[in-house]
Amino acid sequence: MQIAERTVVSFHYTLTNDAGDVLDSSDGREPLAYLHGAGNIVPGLEREMSGHVAGDKFIVDVAAADGYGDYIEELVQTVPRESFQGVDDLAVGMQFQAQTGQGPIAVIITEIDEDEVTVDGNHPLAGETLHFAVEIIEVREASAEEVTHGHVHGAGGHHH
């Protein structure tokens, strides 16, 4: 069966950056399962998965715009340290939820000065080209419930 809308795909992957550093991998774990066409994985990878079958192995390079988006400088802001009341030990790399006019976004502390803290609302992989080595393990028809819920149920997917 080919990967198409309303199929459940299980696959192994290794994700690297331009320097060849491994950023994530399913190596040593269960394959990742997703519902094709439901936006469960980055758009560029999902598009390239279409038409493949179990057993296929291939490389996909996903441009930033089709991955986690372009890096947006405006999402980097310096805020007063007192904005973090109740948090005694701030550290670079800490994640917080920030309230914006467009709703909540996740931010990461990137710099801490005496009176100010710099936070970045970009995804950590924003602006990066993503390099995936993929092996398709299984392709099956999605159940009606999976299609309705928009995600995989059972092994490798969501459990209710």
C-alpha atoms as a PDB file:
ATOM      1  CA  MET A   1       0.000   0.000   0.000  1.00  0.00           C
ATOM      2  CA  GLN A   2       1.262   3.469  -0.891  1.00  0.00           C
ATOM      3  CA  ILE A   3       1.361   6.381   1.523  1.00  0.00           C
ATOM      4  CA  ALA A   4      -1.616   8.628   0.782  1.00  0.00           C
ATOM      5  CA  GLU A   5      -4.284  10.629   2.616  1.00  0.00           C
ATOM      6  CA  ARG A   6      -5.895   8.629   5.439  1.00  0.00           C
ATOM      7  CA  THR A   7      -3.108   6.087   5.773  1.00  0.00           C
ATOM      8  CA  VAL A   8      -1.171   5.406   8.953  1.00  0.00           C
ATOM      9  CA  VAL A   9       2.569   5.364   8.393  1.00  0.00           C
ATOM     10  CA  SER A  10       5.190   3.898  10.739  1.00  0.00           C
ATOM     11  CA  PHE A  11       8.753   4.900   9.972  1.00  0.00           C
ATOM     12  CA  HIS A  12      12.240   5.100  11.392  1.00  0.00           C
ATOM     13  CA  TYR A  13      14.190   8.296  10.900  1.00  0.00           C
ATOM     14  CA  THR A  14      17.379  10.126  11.693  1.00  0.00           C
ATOM     15  CA  LEU A  15      17.285  13.912  11.591  1.00  0.00           C
ATOM     16  CA  THR A  16      20.515  15.833  11.020  1.00  0.00           C
ATOM     17  CA  ASN A  17      21.430  19.478  10.480  1.00  0.00           C
ATOM     18  CA  ASP A  18      23.637  20.973   7.774  1.00  0.00           C
ATOM     19  CA  ALA A  19      26.759  20.093   9.784  1.00  0.00           C
ATOM     20  CA  GLY A  20      25.691  16.422   9.915  1.00  0.00           C
ATOM     21  CA  ASP A  21      24.966  16.501  13.663  1.00  0.00           C
ATOM     22  CA  VAL A  22      22.188  14.100  14.706  1.00  0.00           C
ATOM     23  CA  LEU A  23      19.357  16.173  16.178  1.00  0.00           C
ATOM     24  CA  ASP A  24      16.849  13.358  16.698  1.00  0.00           C
ATOM     25  CA  SER A  25      16.439   9.720  15.790  1.00  0.00           C
ATOM     26  CA  SER A  26      14.099   6.799  16.323  1.00  0.00           C
ATOM     27  CA  ASP A  27      17.139   4.498  16.535  1.00  0.00           C
ATOM     28  CA  GLY A  28      16.649   2.089  19.432  1.00  0.00           C
ATOM     29  CA  ARG A  29      12.976   3.068  19.798  1.00  0.00           C
ATOM     30  CA  GLU A  30       9.682   2.115  18.220  1.00  0.00           C
ATOM     31  CA  PRO A  31       9.099   3.645  14.780  1.00  0.00           C
ATOM     32  CA  LEU A  32       7.197   6.936  14.699  1.00  0.00           C
ATOM     33  CA  ALA A  33       3.566   6.516  13.602  1.00  0.00           C
ATOM     34  CA  TYR A  34       1.475   9.318  12.093  1.00  0.00           C
ATOM     35  CA  LEU A  35      -1.746   9.874  10.147  1.00  0.00           C
ATOM     36  CA  HIS A  36      -0.811  11.045   6.654  1.00  0.00           C
ATOM     37  CA  GLY A  37      -2.578  14.234   5.624  1.00  0.00           C
ATOM     38  CA  ALA A  38      -3.392  15.357   9.172  1.00  0.00           C
ATOM     39  CA  GLY A  39      -0.406  17.656   9.641  1.00  0.00           C
ATOM     40  CA  ASN A  40       1.156  15.463  12.345  1.00  0.00           C
ATOM     41  CA  ILE A  41       4.708  15.919  10.975  1.00  0.00           C
ATOM     42  CA  VAL A  42       6.453  18.874   9.316  1.00  0.00           C
ATOM     43  CA  PRO A  43       4.850  19.697   5.943  1.00  0.00           C
ATOM     44  CA  GLY A  44       7.964  19.177   3.816  1.00  0.00           C
ATOM     45  CA  LEU A  45       8.536  15.676   5.175  1.00  0.00           C
ATOM     46  CA  GLU A  46       4.870  14.718   4.895  1.00  0.00           C
ATOM     47  CA  ARG A  47       4.773  15.839   1.252  1.00  0.00           C
ATOM     48  CA  GLU A  48       7.858  13.743   0.394  1.00  0.00           C
ATOM     49  CA  MET A  49       6.426  10.649   2.115  1.00  0.00           C
ATOM     50  CA  SER A  50       3.492  10.471  -0.339  1.00  0.00           C
ATOM     51  CA  GLY A  51       3.650   7.516  -2.698  1.00  0.00           C
ATOM     52  CA  HIS A  52       6.265   5.547  -0.760  1.00  0.00           C
ATOM     53  CA  VAL A  53       5.653   1.978   0.450  1.00  0.00           C
ATOM     54  CA  ALA A  54       6.890  -0.217   3.295  1.00  0.00           C
ATOM     55  CA  GLY A  55      10.561  -1.028   2.850  1.00  0.00           C
ATOM     56  CA  ASP A  56      11.443   2.214   1.069  1.00  0.00           C
ATOM     57  CA  LYS A  57      14.550   4.012   2.339  1.00  0.00           C
ATOM     58  CA  PHE A  58      15.263   7.559   1.219  1.00  0.00           C
ATOM     59  CA  ILE A  59      16.702  10.943   2.145  1.00  0.00           C
ATOM     60  CA  VAL A  60      14.572  14.086   2.428  1.00  0.00           C
ATOM     61  CA  ASP A  61      15.950  17.620   2.740  1.00  0.00           C
ATOM     62  CA  VAL A  62      13.312  19.971   4.130  1.00  0.00           C
ATOM     63  CA  ALA A  63      13.822  23.727   3.741  1.00  0.00           C
ATOM     64  CA  ALA A  64      13.131  25.836   6.834  1.00  0.00           C
ATOM     65  CA  ALA A  65       9.892  27.212   5.370  1.00  0.00           C
ATOM     66  CA  ASP A  66       8.539  23.643   5.029  1.00  0.00           C
ATOM     67  CA  GLY A  67       9.900  22.544   8.411  1.00  0.00           C
ATOM     68  CA  TYR A  68       9.747  24.676  11.546  1.00  0.00           C
ATOM     69  CA  GLY A  69       9.596  27.969   9.682  1.00  0.00           C
ATOM     70  CA  ASP A  70      12.014  30.762   9.006  1.00  0.00           C
ATOM     71  CA  TYR A  71      13.817  32.360  11.940  1.00  0.00           C
ATOM     72  CA  ILE A  72      11.931  35.536  12.896  1.00  0.00           C
ATOM     73  CA  GLU A  73      14.062  38.150  14.680  1.00  0.00           C
ATOM     74  CA  GLU A  74      10.945  39.852  16.099  1.00  0.00           C
ATOM     75  CA  LEU A  75      10.324  36.747  18.240  1.00  0.00           C
ATOM     76  CA  VAL A  76      13.523  37.508  20.169  1.00  0.00           C
ATOM     77  CA  GLN A  77      12.867  40.005  22.942  1.00  0.00           C
ATOM     78  CA  THR A  78      14.585  41.376  25.985  1.00  0.00           C
ATOM     79  CA  VAL A  79      12.297  41.674  29.009  1.00  0.00           C
ATOM     80  CA  PRO A  80      12.851  42.910  32.555  1.00  0.00           C
ATOM     81  CA  ARG A  81      14.100  40.244  34.926  1.00  0.00           C
ATOM     82  CA  GLU A  82      11.161  40.993  37.245  1.00  0.00           C
ATOM     83  CA  SER A  83       8.886  39.496  34.570  1.00  0.00           C
ATOM     84  CA  PHE A  84       9.957  36.141  36.036  1.00  0.00           C
ATOM     85  CA  GLN A  85       8.659  36.705  39.569  1.00  0.00           C
ATOM     86  CA  GLY A  86       8.560  33.549  41.620  1.00  0.00           C
ATOM     87  CA  VAL A  87      11.431  31.937  39.699  1.00  0.00           C
ATOM     88  CA  ASP A  88      14.587  32.231  41.765  1.00  0.00           C
ATOM     89  CA  ASP A  89      17.156  30.467  39.588  1.00  0.00           C
ATOM     90  CA  LEU A  90      16.818  31.529  35.955  1.00  0.00           C
ATOM     91  CA  ALA A  91      19.076  29.703  33.518  1.00  0.00           C
ATOM     92  CA  VAL A  92      19.760  29.840  29.792  1.00  0.00           C
ATOM     93  CA  GLY A  93      17.723  27.114  28.107  1.00  0.00           C
ATOM     94  CA  MET A  94      14.736  27.326  30.465  1.00  0.00           C
ATOM     95  CA  GLN A  95      11.372  27.313  28.697  1.00  0.00           C
ATOM     96  CA  PHE A  96       8.352  29.396  29.620  1.00  0.00           C
ATOM     97  CA  GLN A  97       4.905  30.160  28.234  1.00  0.00           C
ATOM     98  CA  ALA A  98       4.534  33.829  27.250  1.00  0.00           C
ATOM     99  CA  GLN A  99       1.180  35.521  26.732  1.00  0.00           C
ATOM    100  CA  THR A 100       0.981  37.557  23.508  1.00  0.00           C
ATOM    101  CA  GLY A 101      -1.736  39.379  21.608  1.00  0.00           C
ATOM    102  CA  GLN A 102      -1.961  36.282  19.375  1.00  0.00           C
ATOM    103  CA  GLY A 103      -2.192  33.900  22.346  1.00  0.00           C
ATOM    104  CA  PRO A 104       0.409  31.922  24.290  1.00  0.00           C
ATOM    105  CA  ILE A 105       3.755  30.971  22.756  1.00  0.00           C
ATOM    106  CA  ALA A 106       6.649  28.935  24.107  1.00  0.00           C
ATOM    107  CA  VAL A 107       9.845  30.913  24.675  1.00  0.00           C
ATOM    108  CA  ILE A 108      13.364  29.857  25.620  1.00  0.00           C
ATOM    109  CA  ILE A 109      15.762  31.961  27.672  1.00  0.00           C
ATOM    110  CA  THR A 110      18.849  32.637  25.543  1.00  0.00           C
ATOM    111  CA  GLU A 111      20.650  35.250  27.651  1.00  0.00           C
ATOM    112  CA  ILE A 112      20.503  36.597  31.199  1.00  0.00           C
ATOM    113  CA  ASP A 113      21.921  39.938  32.311  1.00  0.00           C
ATOM    114  CA  GLU A 114      21.719  41.629  35.709  1.00  0.00           C
ATOM    115  CA  ASP A 115      18.365  43.319  34.986  1.00  0.00           C
ATOM    116  CA  GLU A 116      17.192  41.789  31.698  1.00  0.00           C
ATOM    117  CA  VAL A 117      16.412  38.400  30.205  1.00  0.00           C
ATOM    118  CA  THR A 118      16.451  37.643  26.472  1.00  0.00           C
ATOM    119  CA  VAL A 119      13.823  35.147  25.316  1.00  0.00           C
ATOM    120  CA  ASP A 120      13.359  33.555  21.897  1.00  0.00           C
ATOM    121  CA  GLY A 121       9.913  32.495  20.684  1.00  0.00           C
ATOM    122  CA  ASN A 122      11.238  30.712  17.589  1.00  0.00           C
ATOM    123  CA  HIS A 123      11.175  26.918  17.469  1.00  0.00           C
ATOM    124  CA  PRO A 124      14.724  25.682  18.221  1.00  0.00           C
ATOM    125  CA  LEU A 125      14.948  24.379  14.633  1.00  0.00           C
ATOM    126  CA  ALA A 126      13.489  27.490  12.964  1.00  0.00           C
ATOM    127  CA  GLY A 127      15.633  28.636  10.063  1.00  0.00           C
ATOM    128  CA  GLU A 128      17.316  25.228   9.755  1.00  0.00           C
ATOM    129  CA  THR A 129      17.278  22.912   6.761  1.00  0.00           C
ATOM    130  CA  LEU A 130      16.234  19.502   8.098  1.00  0.00           C
ATOM    131  CA  HIS A 131      17.870  16.382   6.679  1.00  0.00           C
ATOM    132  CA  PHE A 132      15.884  13.186   7.240  1.00  0.00           C
ATOM    133  CA  ALA A 133      17.052   9.641   6.546  1.00  0.00           C
ATOM    134  CA  VAL A 134      13.795   7.674   6.422  1.00  0.00           C
ATOM    135  CA  GLU A 135      12.849   3.991   6.367  1.00  0.00           C
ATOM    136  CA  ILE A 136       9.166   3.171   5.905  1.00  0.00           C
ATOM    137  CA  ILE A 137       8.235   0.249   8.168  1.00  0.00           C
ATOM    138  CA  GLU A 138       4.471  -0.062   7.657  1.00  0.00           C
ATOM    139  CA  VAL A 139       1.620   1.605   5.778  1.00  0.00           C
ATOM    140  CA  ARG A 140      -1.984   0.764   6.591  1.00  0.00           C
ATOM    141  CA  GLU A 141      -5.452   2.196   6.114  1.00  0.00           C
ATOM    142  CA  ALA A 142      -6.460   4.533   8.968  1.00  0.00           C
ATOM    143  CA  SER A 143      -9.505   3.627  11.027  1.00  0.00           C
ATOM    144  CA  ALA A 144     -12.543   5.910  10.923  1.00  0.00           C
ATOM    145  CA  GLU A 145     -11.814   6.908  14.526  1.00  0.00           C
ATOM    146  CA  GLU A 146      -8.205   7.846  13.689  1.00  0.00           C
ATOM    147  CA  VAL A 147      -9.380   9.991  10.767  1.00  0.00           C
ATOM    148  CA  THR A 148     -12.021  11.678  12.953  1.00  0.00           C
ATOM    149  CA  HIS A 149      -9.525  12.345  15.758  1.00  0.00           C
ATOM    150  CA  GLY A 150      -6.736  13.406  13.381  1.00  0.00           C
ATOM    151  CA  HIS A 151      -4.060  11.138  14.853  1.00  0.00           C
ATOM    152  CA  VAL A 152      -2.962   7.512  15.165  1.00  0.00           C
ATOM    153  CA  HIS A 153      -4.356   5.268  17.895  1.00  0.00           C
ATOM    154  CA  GLY A 154      -2.710   2.150  19.283  1.00  0.00           C
ATOM    155  CA  ALA A 155       0.923   1.046  18.972  1.00  0.00           C
ATOM    156  CA  GLY A 156       3.229   3.938  18.168  1.00  0.00           C
ATOM    157  CA  GLY A 157       0.383   6.457  18.312  1.00  0.00           C
ATOM    158  CA  HIS A 158      -1.996   8.057  20.799  1.00  0.00           C
ATOM    159  CA  HIS A 159      -3.760   5.953  23.388  1.00  0.00           C
ATOM    160  CA  HIS A 160      -7.139   7.061  24.758  1.00  0.00           C
END
